[in-house]
Amino acid sequence: MNMMLKIGLAGITGVFLALLLRKEKGEFAMLIAVAAATLIFGYVLVRVRAITDFLEDLAGRLPIEKTYLTALLKMLGITYIADFATSICREAGYGSVGSQMELFAKLSIIALSIPELTYLIQVMEQFL
């Protein structure tokens, strides 16, 4: 909870500073917003690392191939990075670029999931 408080304060501070500078120095307001978002994204990466450590430990205990876990972690990374990048693009007024990045991220996740879907179909065929 303490970490969430820090993140919330960092975000609110960044937004207020950006709002104060928006009228006089619009380019600096954008830089402050990007800096605040990058700072928060750094904290997100710390949390993601804890999740990946847990999943790696879980994979060591369960009889699953490591390639499936690797693909899952790549998908997780794609979603976080794409969300961060598209938010920055939309904030800067380039929503169409952000939308294209979202589309690319979705297609990348589908491409990464093909081996998992194939494995799932094989397992289902064994039960039928």
Protein backbone atom coordinates (compact mmCIF):
# COMPACT_ATOMS: atom_id res chain seq x y z
CA MET A 1 0.00 0.00 0.00
CA ASN A 2 2.88 2.34 0.77
CA MET A 3 4.19 1.87 -2.77
CA MET A 4 0.77 2.69 -4.23
CA LEU A 5 0.75 5.92 -2.24
CA LYS A 6 4.12 6.89 -3.72
CA ILE A 7 2.93 6.06 -7.23
CA GLY A 8 -0.28 8.02 -6.74
CA LEU A 9 1.58 11.04 -5.43
CA ALA A 10 4.12 10.91 -8.25
CA GLY A 11 1.34 10.75 -10.82
CA ILE A 12 -0.70 13.55 -9.28
CA THR A 13 2.39 15.74 -8.87
CA GLY A 14 3.37 15.18 -12.49
CA VAL A 15 -0.12 16.03 -13.71
CA PHE A 16 -0.35 19.20 -11.61
CA LEU A 17 3.07 20.39 -12.77
CA ALA A 18 2.13 19.68 -16.37
CA LEU A 19 -1.16 21.56 -15.97
CA LEU A 20 0.65 24.56 -14.50
CA LEU A 21 3.11 24.70 -17.38
CA ARG A 22 0.67 23.86 -20.17
CA LYS A 23 -0.40 27.46 -20.88
CA GLU A 24 3.05 29.03 -20.84
CA LYS A 25 5.43 26.23 -21.82
CA GLY A 26 3.41 23.47 -23.48
CA GLU A 27 6.49 21.52 -24.56
CA PHE A 28 7.76 21.34 -20.98
CA ALA A 29 4.35 20.20 -19.76
CA MET A 30 4.53 17.25 -22.14
CA LEU A 31 8.05 16.39 -20.96
CA ILE A 32 6.95 16.45 -17.32
CA ALA A 33 4.01 14.17 -18.09
CA VAL A 34 6.30 11.75 -19.94
CA ALA A 35 8.83 11.86 -17.08
CA ALA A 36 6.11 11.07 -14.52
CA ALA A 37 4.80 8.24 -16.67
CA THR A 38 8.31 6.85 -17.11
CA LEU A 39 8.94 6.98 -13.37
CA ILE A 40 5.72 5.09 -12.71
CA PHE A 41 6.56 2.61 -15.48
CA GLY A 42 9.84 1.91 -13.66
CA TYR A 43 7.86 0.90 -10.59
CA VAL A 44 5.64 -1.24 -12.80
CA LEU A 45 8.71 -3.09 -14.02
CA VAL A 46 9.67 -3.86 -10.41
CA ARG A 47 6.24 -5.43 -9.86
CA VAL A 48 6.44 -7.31 -13.14
CA ARG A 49 9.77 -8.76 -12.05
CA ALA A 50 8.13 -10.13 -8.90
CA ILE A 51 5.43 -11.73 -11.04
CA THR A 52 7.96 -13.26 -13.43
CA ASP A 53 9.96 -14.66 -10.51
CA PHE A 54 6.78 -16.29 -9.18
CA LEU A 55 5.91 -17.74 -12.58
CA GLU A 56 9.42 -19.12 -13.04
CA ASP A 57 9.21 -20.76 -9.62
CA LEU A 58 5.79 -22.16 -10.50
CA ALA A 59 7.10 -23.50 -13.80
CA GLY A 60 9.86 -25.31 -11.92
CA ARG A 61 7.24 -27.11 -9.85
CA LEU A 62 4.75 -27.94 -12.60
CA PRO A 63 5.33 -30.31 -15.49
CA ILE A 64 5.11 -27.71 -18.26
CA GLU A 65 7.61 -26.74 -20.90
CA LYS A 66 9.56 -23.57 -20.32
CA THR A 67 8.78 -22.34 -23.85
CA TYR A 68 5.14 -21.85 -22.87
CA LEU A 69 6.09 -19.78 -19.84
CA THR A 70 8.51 -17.74 -21.93
CA ALA A 71 5.76 -16.96 -24.43
CA LEU A 72 3.41 -15.97 -21.60
CA LEU A 73 6.01 -13.61 -20.17
CA LYS A 74 6.62 -12.08 -23.60
CA MET A 75 2.89 -11.49 -23.96
CA LEU A 76 2.82 -9.82 -20.57
CA GLY A 77 5.71 -7.58 -21.58
CA ILE A 78 4.07 -6.69 -24.87
CA THR A 79 0.87 -5.61 -23.13
CA TYR A 80 2.65 -3.39 -20.61
CA ILE A 81 4.97 -1.76 -23.12
CA ALA A 82 2.20 -1.25 -25.68
CA ASP A 83 -0.12 0.28 -23.10
CA PHE A 84 2.61 2.64 -21.89
CA ALA A 85 3.64 3.69 -25.41
CA THR A 86 0.09 4.18 -26.68
CA SER A 87 -0.80 6.29 -23.65
CA ILE A 88 2.17 8.55 -24.33
CA CYS A 89 1.18 8.86 -28.00
CA ARG A 90 -2.41 9.73 -27.13
CA GLU A 91 -1.30 12.26 -24.53
CA ALA A 92 0.91 13.92 -27.15
CA GLY A 93 -2.03 14.12 -29.55
CA TYR A 94 -0.92 11.28 -31.84
CA GLY A 95 -3.74 8.86 -31.18
CA SER A 96 -3.51 7.28 -34.62
CA VAL A 97 0.10 6.25 -33.97
CA GLY A 98 -0.97 4.83 -30.62
CA SER A 99 -3.77 2.88 -32.27
CA GLN A 100 -1.36 1.36 -34.76
CA MET A 101 0.95 0.32 -31.92
CA GLU A 102 -2.00 -1.29 -30.16
CA LEU A 103 -2.87 -3.20 -33.32
CA PHE A 104 0.72 -4.38 -33.70
CA ALA A 105 0.78 -5.49 -30.06
CA LYS A 106 -2.44 -7.46 -30.46
CA LEU A 107 -1.15 -9.17 -33.59
CA SER A 108 2.14 -9.94 -31.84
CA ILE A 109 0.29 -11.59 -28.96
CA ILE A 110 -1.76 -13.66 -31.38
CA ALA A 111 1.41 -14.76 -33.18
CA LEU A 112 3.05 -15.71 -29.88
CA SER A 113 -0.01 -17.67 -28.78
CA ILE A 114 -0.13 -19.96 -31.83
CA PRO A 115 2.09 -22.69 -30.26
CA GLU A 116 0.01 -22.60 -27.07
CA LEU A 117 -3.23 -22.88 -29.01
CA THR A 118 -1.79 -25.79 -31.00
CA TYR A 119 -0.81 -27.54 -27.76
CA LEU A 120 -4.26 -26.90 -26.29
CA ILE A 121 -5.92 -28.42 -29.36
CA GLN A 122 -3.66 -31.49 -29.09
CA VAL A 123 -4.57 -31.95 -25.43
CA MET A 124 -8.26 -31.60 -26.22
CA GLU A 125 -7.98 -34.17 -29.01
CA GLN A 126 -6.54 -36.67 -26.53
CA PHE A 127 -9.61 -36.35 -24.33
CA LEU A 128 -12.08 -36.71 -27.19
